[in-house]
Amino acid sequence: MEFAQSQQSTIGIEWELQLVDQDSNDLRQAAEFVIKQLEGKPFIHKEMLLNTVEVTSGVHRTVAGCVGDLREGGESVRKTTDPLRIDIVAAGSHPFANPMYQRVTNNARYAALVNRTQYWGRQMLLFGTHVHVGLDRRDKVLPILKALLTRAYHIQSLSASSPFWAGNRTNYASNRSMVFQQLPTAGTPRQFDQWRELEQYTDDLIKTRTIEEFNEVRWDVRPSPGWGTIEVRVADASPNLLELRAVAALIHCLVDHYAAELDAGREIPTMPDWYVAENKWRSARYGMDAVLIKDRHGNEEHVADTLRETVTALEPVAARLGCLDELAGVHDILETGAAYQRFLAVCDAHGGSLDAVVEHMRAEMRAERPLAAEATRNSPDGLRSSTSVPG
């Protein structure tokens, strides 16, 4: 399995956006029409479901360069969706849409996935932010993948934005991560020491008809051999550009730091599989209230404390990569609350209204930053409350 040539620490971002009806706040199955109208426009792609449009950046040296592309792609989508009374929003899940009602894009690959996975395949009403970072040597891929697993679920907590599922309050910060791991090759990555072990793993899955190609391995962090990158897929979709910039900058800096450590001949951190799996669950369940395992020795720390320490340590890296402002957004999220915390606060402030949560999502997308629950509660536009959490 070849690993494409790539420049060290180049970056690209993928952002999965929901198409939401402005009148009902439910999802609209309009992606096929929208994408057809935008044929030839850059940065816009179809996804598995017809309620989703993905905007992607080109390859850049900075997070800011990627965000420019994402903003251009989003503006192109809005020019088509506004006349249709559709808004684009982002979060790891839609608060009340029924997964069983969602239509799949007419694509043989997606049809085969749903046919094989049945009930769980039909539950994949999920939206993520994926960040690719270029690596200049293949022998860096697996060590950096393992090092990222010591902080991947801190990123999951920071980005968690899916506390509701099909109209239910799940009491998980990131229900998306729990649902997505039901696919047979999704979830926490396998940790290999040698590239040939990854090749053998891939060959075995192809031989047994589990997958047809490696990109069907949907780990939270995975090599992307065709792009010459490591791809971090653990984050829920960011509801606004400030949070997306912060998550992307944190990932960018971590990968660059670990690559520099390898270049200098220094050891980078690792963590046993059982700690990684425990961190994933704690993060999904408790989000920013989680106490996560910090290192291979089993030391634990509140996720917010580790994030603050990590951001401070990475500031020289961020200065070199030109993303100091973006990385500082992590502190903004810690102060305002992660998206799932804001969504729950909005829901509570409006008597359990999930319409209010969707309205808040729409407001954050427009504002390009996190908004406190009161900011939309007092909005002159008001908030509807027709769909509420049961009980």
Protein backbone atom coordinates (compact mmCIF):
# COMPACT_ATOMS: atom_id res chain seq x y z
CA MET A 1 0.00 0.00 0.00
CA GLU A 2 1.73 3.12 -1.26
CA PHE A 3 1.73 6.37 0.73
CA ALA A 4 1.50 9.45 -1.51
CA GLN A 5 4.20 12.11 -1.46
CA SER A 6 3.15 15.04 0.68
CA GLN A 7 4.76 18.10 2.21
CA GLN A 8 5.10 18.03 5.97
CA SER A 9 2.27 19.78 7.85
CA THR A 10 0.18 20.87 4.91
CA ILE A 11 -3.46 20.85 5.94
CA GLY A 12 -6.93 20.26 4.49
CA ILE A 13 -10.36 20.26 6.15
CA GLU A 14 -13.69 18.57 5.40
CA TRP A 15 -16.90 19.92 7.01
CA GLU A 16 -20.19 18.03 6.78
CA LEU A 17 -23.19 20.38 6.72
CA GLN A 18 -26.87 19.71 7.33
CA LEU A 19 -29.57 21.02 5.01
CA VAL A 20 -32.32 22.33 7.32
CA ASP A 21 -35.75 23.52 6.26
CA GLN A 22 -36.27 27.12 7.43
CA ASP A 23 -39.96 26.51 8.23
CA SER A 24 -39.96 23.10 9.95
CA ASN A 25 -36.34 23.01 11.20
CA ASP A 26 -36.26 19.39 10.00
CA LEU A 27 -33.73 18.07 7.49
CA ARG A 28 -34.38 18.48 3.77
CA GLN A 29 -33.45 15.74 1.30
CA ALA A 30 -32.23 18.26 -1.27
CA ALA A 31 -28.51 17.57 -1.68
CA GLU A 32 -28.82 16.01 -5.14
CA PHE A 33 -30.55 19.10 -6.52
CA VAL A 34 -28.24 21.51 -4.67
CA ILE A 35 -25.06 19.84 -5.85
CA LYS A 36 -26.34 19.64 -9.43
CA GLN A 37 -26.92 23.42 -9.40
CA LEU A 38 -23.36 23.90 -8.14
CA GLU A 39 -21.67 21.65 -10.68
CA GLY A 40 -18.24 23.02 -11.49
CA LYS A 41 -18.02 25.06 -8.29
CA PRO A 42 -15.01 24.21 -6.10
CA PHE A 43 -15.04 22.83 -2.55
CA ILE A 44 -18.49 21.14 -2.66
CA HIS A 45 -19.14 17.39 -2.53
CA LYS A 46 -21.96 14.93 -1.98
CA GLU A 47 -22.12 12.69 1.06
CA MET A 48 -23.91 9.48 2.02
CA LEU A 49 -27.26 11.10 2.80
CA LEU A 50 -29.33 13.49 0.73
CA ASN A 51 -29.65 15.84 3.71
CA THR A 52 -25.91 16.55 3.69
CA VAL A 53 -23.50 18.67 1.68
CA GLU A 54 -19.79 18.50 2.42
CA VAL A 55 -17.59 21.53 1.92
CA THR A 56 -13.87 20.89 1.70
CA SER A 57 -10.77 23.00 1.47
CA GLY A 58 -7.85 22.69 -0.86
CA VAL A 59 -4.37 21.88 0.44
CA HIS A 60 -2.87 24.76 2.41
CA ARG A 61 -0.03 25.64 4.76
CA THR A 62 -2.37 27.33 7.25
CA VAL A 63 -5.74 26.80 8.88
CA ALA A 64 -6.72 30.27 7.68
CA GLY A 65 -6.16 29.24 4.07
CA CYS A 66 -8.48 26.27 4.56
CA VAL A 67 -11.14 28.41 6.23
CA GLY A 68 -11.14 30.76 3.25
CA ASP A 69 -12.04 27.83 1.00
CA LEU A 70 -14.72 26.57 3.39
CA ARG A 71 -16.29 30.02 3.59
CA GLU A 72 -16.32 30.27 -0.23
CA GLY A 73 -17.88 26.82 -0.51
CA GLY A 74 -20.49 27.66 2.11
CA GLU A 75 -21.42 30.90 0.37
CA SER A 76 -21.87 29.02 -2.91
CA VAL A 77 -24.21 26.57 -1.21
CA ARG A 78 -26.24 29.37 0.39
CA LYS A 79 -26.83 31.06 -2.97
CA THR A 80 -28.61 27.88 -4.05
CA THR A 81 -30.31 26.98 -0.78
CA ASP A 82 -31.65 30.41 0.26
CA PRO A 83 -34.31 30.51 -2.51
CA LEU A 84 -35.35 27.00 -1.43
CA ARG A 85 -35.84 28.17 2.18
CA ILE A 86 -33.03 25.90 3.32
CA ASP A 87 -30.33 26.85 5.82
CA ILE A 88 -26.98 25.14 6.25
CA VAL A 89 -26.07 24.26 9.83
CA ALA A 90 -23.57 21.99 11.50
CA ALA A 91 -23.45 19.69 14.54
CA GLY A 92 -22.68 16.03 15.15
CA SER A 93 -26.38 15.18 14.95
CA HIS A 94 -29.72 16.82 14.18
CA PRO A 95 -31.73 17.15 17.40
CA PHE A 96 -34.97 15.52 16.27
CA ALA A 97 -34.73 14.20 12.67
CA ASN A 98 -35.71 10.54 12.37
CA PRO A 99 -32.74 8.53 11.01
CA MET A 100 -35.05 5.98 9.40
CA TYR A 101 -36.62 8.67 7.17
CA GLN A 102 -33.35 9.81 5.60
CA ARG A 103 -32.66 8.95 1.97
CA VAL A 104 -29.29 7.63 0.79
CA THR A 105 -27.42 9.19 -2.16
CA ASN A 106 -27.73 7.10 -5.33
CA ASN A 107 -24.32 5.48 -5.10
CA ALA A 108 -23.43 1.78 -5.21
CA ARG A 109 -20.86 2.12 -2.42
CA TYR A 110 -23.37 3.68 -0.01
CA ALA A 111 -26.11 1.21 -0.99
CA ALA A 112 -23.79 -1.71 -0.28
CA LEU A 113 -22.90 -0.27 3.12
CA VAL A 114 -26.53 0.09 4.16
CA ASN A 115 -27.43 -3.34 2.77
CA ARG A 116 -24.66 -4.98 4.76
CA THR A 117 -25.09 -3.12 8.04
CA GLN A 118 -28.92 -2.92 7.99
CA TYR A 119 -30.36 -1.25 11.12
CA TRP A 120 -27.11 0.41 12.19
CA GLY A 121 -26.34 1.45 8.63
CA ARG A 122 -29.70 3.24 8.56
CA GLN A 123 -28.80 5.07 11.78
CA MET A 124 -25.80 6.89 10.25
CA LEU A 125 -27.38 10.33 10.57
CA LEU A 126 -23.99 11.73 11.53
CA PHE A 127 -21.93 14.80 10.72
CA GLY A 128 -18.22 15.31 11.36
CA THR A 129 -15.24 17.57 10.87
CA HIS A 130 -12.25 15.80 9.31
CA VAL A 131 -8.75 17.30 9.32
CA HIS A 132 -5.92 16.01 7.08
CA VAL A 133 -2.32 16.87 7.89
CA GLY A 134 0.48 16.02 5.45
CA LEU A 135 3.41 13.82 6.47
CA ASP A 136 6.62 13.85 4.46
CA ARG A 137 7.65 10.30 5.34
CA ARG A 138 5.62 7.13 5.59
CA ASP A 139 7.56 5.96 8.64
CA LYS A 140 6.01 8.83 10.64
CA VAL A 141 2.42 7.73 10.07
CA LEU A 142 1.97 4.95 12.60
CA PRO A 143 3.94 6.55 15.46
CA ILE A 144 2.02 9.81 15.05
CA LEU A 145 -1.30 7.93 14.86
CA LYS A 146 -0.48 6.32 18.21
CA ALA A 147 0.62 9.63 19.73
CA LEU A 148 -2.59 11.33 18.59
CA LEU A 149 -4.61 8.69 20.44
CA THR A 150 -3.32 10.14 23.71
CA ARG A 151 -5.22 13.36 22.89
CA ALA A 152 -7.86 12.30 20.33
CA TYR A 153 -10.65 12.01 22.87
CA HIS A 154 -9.82 15.36 24.40
CA ILE A 155 -10.57 16.67 20.89
CA GLN A 156 -13.80 14.63 20.89
CA SER A 157 -14.87 16.26 24.17
CA LEU A 158 -13.99 19.74 22.91
CA SER A 159 -15.96 19.27 19.69
CA ALA A 160 -18.90 17.29 21.12
CA SER A 161 -22.14 18.59 19.59
CA SER A 162 -24.55 15.64 19.48
CA PRO A 163 -26.39 15.33 22.82
CA PHE A 164 -29.75 14.67 21.11
CA TRP A 165 -30.73 11.76 18.91
CA ALA A 166 -34.01 11.32 17.03
CA GLY A 167 -35.79 13.64 19.48
CA ASN A 168 -34.28 12.12 22.60
CA ARG A 169 -31.90 13.58 25.16
CA THR A 170 -29.22 10.88 25.24
CA ASN A 171 -27.16 12.09 28.24
CA TYR A 172 -24.10 11.64 26.00
CA ALA A 173 -22.06 14.64 24.91
CA SER A 174 -21.19 12.95 21.61
CA ASN A 175 -23.83 10.39 20.74
CA ARG A 176 -22.47 10.53 17.19
CA SER A 177 -19.29 8.74 18.27
CA MET A 178 -21.27 5.93 19.91
CA VAL A 179 -23.47 5.38 16.86
CA PHE A 180 -20.67 5.59 14.31
CA GLN A 181 -18.61 2.88 15.98
CA GLN A 182 -21.39 0.37 15.24
CA LEU A 183 -20.02 0.10 11.70
CA PRO A 184 -17.65 -2.88 11.53
CA THR A 185 -14.50 -0.92 10.62
CA ALA A 186 -15.19 2.34 12.48
CA GLY A 187 -14.20 3.57 15.94
CA THR A 188 -10.88 3.41 17.75
CA PRO A 189 -7.94 2.58 15.49
CA ARG A 190 -5.79 -0.52 15.55
CA GLN A 191 -2.29 0.31 16.71
CA PHE A 192 0.46 -1.15 14.53
CA ASP A 193 4.22 -0.81 14.84
CA GLN A 194 5.19 -1.52 11.21
CA TRP A 195 3.64 -0.47 7.90
CA ARG A 196 3.67 -4.08 6.74
CA GLU A 197 1.30 -4.91 9.62
CA LEU A 198 -1.17 -2.33 8.33
CA GLU A 199 -0.77 -3.77 4.82
CA GLN A 200 -1.44 -7.27 6.15
CA TYR A 201 -4.50 -6.05 8.03
CA THR A 202 -5.81 -4.41 4.84
CA ASP A 203 -5.06 -7.49 2.71
CA ASP A 204 -6.87 -9.71 5.22
CA LEU A 205 -9.99 -7.52 5.21
CA ILE A 206 -10.03 -7.42 1.41
CA LYS A 207 -9.51 -11.18 1.18
CA THR A 208 -12.43 -11.82 3.52
CA ARG A 209 -14.61 -9.30 1.63
CA THR A 210 -14.93 -7.08 4.71
CA ILE A 211 -13.78 -4.09 2.66
CA GLU A 212 -12.91 -3.46 -0.98
CA GLU A 213 -10.31 -0.77 -0.32
CA PHE A 214 -8.59 0.85 2.64
CA ASN A 215 -10.72 4.02 2.67
CA GLU A 216 -13.59 1.85 3.97
CA VAL A 217 -11.66 1.66 7.25
CA ARG A 218 -13.33 4.53 9.09
CA TRP A 219 -11.21 4.89 12.21
CA ASP A 220 -11.32 8.00 14.41
CA VAL A 221 -7.73 8.62 13.32
CA ARG A 222 -6.44 6.91 10.19
CA PRO A 223 -3.74 7.07 7.56
CA SER A 224 -4.95 8.45 4.26
CA PRO A 225 -2.45 6.84 1.87
CA GLY A 226 -3.92 8.36 -1.28
CA TRP A 227 -3.38 11.89 0.04
CA GLY A 228 -0.17 11.31 1.98
CA THR A 229 -1.82 12.51 5.19
CA ILE A 230 -2.95 11.46 8.59
CA GLU A 231 -6.68 12.10 8.91
CA VAL A 232 -8.28 12.96 12.24
CA ARG A 233 -11.99 12.14 12.07
CA VAL A 234 -12.84 12.07 15.77
CA ALA A 235 -14.53 15.50 15.95
CA ASP A 236 -18.26 16.10 15.75
CA ALA A 237 -19.12 18.66 13.09
CA SER A 238 -18.31 22.13 14.44
CA PRO A 239 -21.42 24.39 14.59
CA ASN A 240 -19.47 27.51 13.66
CA LEU A 241 -16.19 28.61 12.09
CA LEU A 242 -14.53 29.70 15.32
CA GLU A 243 -14.84 26.21 16.76
CA LEU A 244 -13.82 24.59 13.49
CA ARG A 245 -10.71 26.79 13.37
CA ALA A 246 -9.83 25.89 16.97
CA VAL A 247 -10.22 22.15 16.46
CA ALA A 248 -8.27 22.22 13.20
CA ALA A 249 -5.47 24.29 14.74
CA LEU A 250 -5.16 21.93 17.71
CA ILE A 251 -4.87 18.95 15.37
CA HIS A 252 -2.47 20.77 13.04
CA CYS A 253 -0.18 21.70 15.94
CA LEU A 254 -0.24 18.24 17.51
CA VAL A 255 0.74 16.51 14.27
CA ASP A 256 3.47 19.03 13.52
CA HIS A 257 4.84 18.76 17.07
CA TYR A 258 4.97 14.96 16.97
CA ALA A 259 6.60 15.04 13.52
CA ALA A 260 9.29 17.45 14.78
CA GLU A 261 9.94 15.21 17.78
CA LEU A 262 10.44 12.22 15.49
CA ASP A 263 12.77 14.26 13.26
CA ALA A 264 14.82 15.10 16.36
CA GLY A 265 15.05 11.43 17.32
CA ARG A 266 12.92 11.83 20.44
CA GLU A 267 10.25 9.43 21.69
CA ILE A 268 6.61 10.49 21.33
CA PRO A 269 3.79 9.34 23.63
CA THR A 270 1.71 6.19 23.34
CA MET A 271 -1.18 4.68 25.25
CA PRO A 272 -2.43 1.07 25.56
CA ASP A 273 -5.54 0.10 23.61
CA TRP A 274 -7.58 -0.37 26.79
CA TYR A 275 -6.92 3.19 27.94
CA VAL A 276 -7.75 4.53 24.47
CA ALA A 277 -11.09 2.68 24.45
CA GLU A 278 -11.93 3.90 27.96
CA ASN A 279 -11.12 7.50 27.02
CA LYS A 280 -13.38 7.30 23.97
CA TRP A 281 -16.32 6.19 26.10
CA ARG A 282 -15.70 8.66 28.92
CA SER A 283 -15.38 11.49 26.42
CA ALA A 284 -18.55 10.55 24.55
CA ARG A 285 -20.51 10.20 27.78
CA TYR A 286 -19.24 13.12 29.85
CA GLY A 287 -17.71 15.52 27.31
CA MET A 288 -16.05 18.46 29.04
CA ASP A 289 -16.84 16.96 32.46
CA ALA A 290 -14.77 13.86 31.69
CA VAL A 291 -11.71 12.83 33.63
CA LEU A 292 -9.54 11.22 30.95
CA ILE A 293 -6.49 9.01 31.17
CA LYS A 294 -3.56 11.22 30.31
CA ASP A 295 -0.67 8.84 29.61
CA ARG A 296 0.49 5.25 29.37
CA HIS A 297 0.97 5.12 33.16
CA GLY A 298 -2.75 5.60 33.81
CA ASN A 299 -2.54 9.11 35.25
CA GLU A 300 -5.89 10.89 35.01
CA GLU A 301 -6.86 14.53 34.69
CA HIS A 302 -9.92 16.64 33.99
CA VAL A 303 -10.16 17.12 30.21
CA ALA A 304 -10.25 20.93 30.44
CA ASP A 305 -7.03 21.01 32.48
CA THR A 306 -5.23 18.81 29.96
CA LEU A 307 -6.50 20.96 27.08
CA ARG A 308 -5.28 24.17 28.71
CA GLU A 309 -1.87 22.63 29.38
CA THR A 310 -1.69 21.25 25.83
CA VAL A 311 -2.61 24.58 24.21
CA THR A 312 0.03 26.41 26.23
CA ALA A 313 2.67 23.85 25.29
CA LEU A 314 1.73 24.11 21.60
CA GLU A 315 1.82 27.91 21.33
CA PRO A 316 5.37 27.98 19.86
CA VAL A 317 4.24 25.41 17.28
CA ALA A 318 1.15 27.49 16.50
CA ALA A 319 3.32 30.59 16.04
CA ARG A 320 5.42 28.70 13.50
CA LEU A 321 2.33 27.39 11.68
CA GLY A 322 0.57 30.76 11.69
CA CYS A 323 -2.42 29.65 13.77
CA LEU A 324 -1.98 31.28 17.18
CA ASP A 325 -5.33 33.05 16.96
CA GLU A 326 -7.07 29.88 15.83
CA LEU A 327 -5.54 27.79 18.61
CA ALA A 328 -6.61 30.42 21.16
CA GLY A 329 -10.18 29.53 20.17
CA VAL A 330 -9.83 26.47 22.42
CA HIS A 331 -9.88 28.86 25.39
CA ASP A 332 -13.03 30.51 23.99
CA ILE A 333 -14.76 27.13 23.87
CA LEU A 334 -13.67 26.31 27.42
CA GLU A 335 -15.12 29.63 28.59
CA THR A 336 -18.39 29.58 26.61
CA GLY A 337 -18.95 25.83 26.91
CA ALA A 338 -18.69 23.12 24.29
CA ALA A 339 -21.47 22.96 21.70
CA TYR A 340 -23.35 20.14 23.42
CA GLN A 341 -23.40 22.20 26.66
CA ARG A 342 -24.79 25.22 24.84
CA PHE A 343 -27.43 23.11 23.07
CA LEU A 344 -28.58 21.56 26.35
CA ALA A 345 -28.76 25.01 27.95
CA VAL A 346 -30.88 26.31 25.06
CA CYS A 347 -33.18 23.30 25.33
CA ASP A 348 -33.64 23.82 29.07
CA ALA A 349 -34.16 27.57 28.67
CA HIS A 350 -37.03 26.92 26.23
CA GLY A 351 -38.93 24.21 28.08
CA GLY A 352 -37.35 21.28 26.25
CA SER A 353 -37.77 22.75 22.78
CA LEU A 354 -35.61 21.08 20.14
CA ASP A 355 -36.78 23.62 17.58
CA ALA A 356 -35.03 26.17 19.78
CA VAL A 357 -31.83 24.11 19.54
CA VAL A 358 -32.00 24.08 15.74
CA GLU A 359 -32.64 27.83 15.72
CA HIS A 360 -29.54 28.22 17.91
CA MET A 361 -27.52 26.10 15.49
CA ARG A 362 -28.68 28.33 12.64
CA ALA A 363 -27.71 31.45 14.61
CA GLU A 364 -24.22 30.14 15.41
CA MET A 365 -23.58 29.28 11.79
CA ARG A 366 -24.48 32.84 10.80
CA ALA A 367 -22.47 34.40 13.64
CA GLU A 368 -19.44 32.14 12.91
CA ARG A 369 -18.83 31.79 16.66
CA PRO A 370 -20.31 30.13 19.76
CA LEU A 371 -23.32 31.89 21.28
CA ALA A 372 -24.49 31.62 24.88
CA ALA A 373 -28.02 30.29 25.39
CA GLU A 374 -29.28 33.76 26.36
CA ALA A 375 -28.03 35.24 23.08
CA THR A 376 -30.69 33.40 21.08
CA ARG A 377 -33.30 33.35 23.84
CA ASN A 378 -33.44 37.13 23.62
CA SER A 379 -33.21 37.26 19.83
CA PRO A 380 -35.76 39.60 18.23
CA ASP A 381 -36.65 36.81 15.79
CA GLY A 382 -37.90 34.67 18.67
CA LEU A 383 -37.78 30.88 18.91
CA ARG A 384 -40.44 28.33 18.17
CA SER A 385 -41.09 25.37 20.45
CA SER A 386 -43.14 22.85 18.48
CA THR A 387 -40.77 19.91 18.90
CA SER A 388 -39.71 19.07 22.42
CA VAL A 389 -37.77 16.36 24.22
CA PRO A 390 -40.17 13.62 25.44
CA GLY A 391 -40.95 13.68 29.15
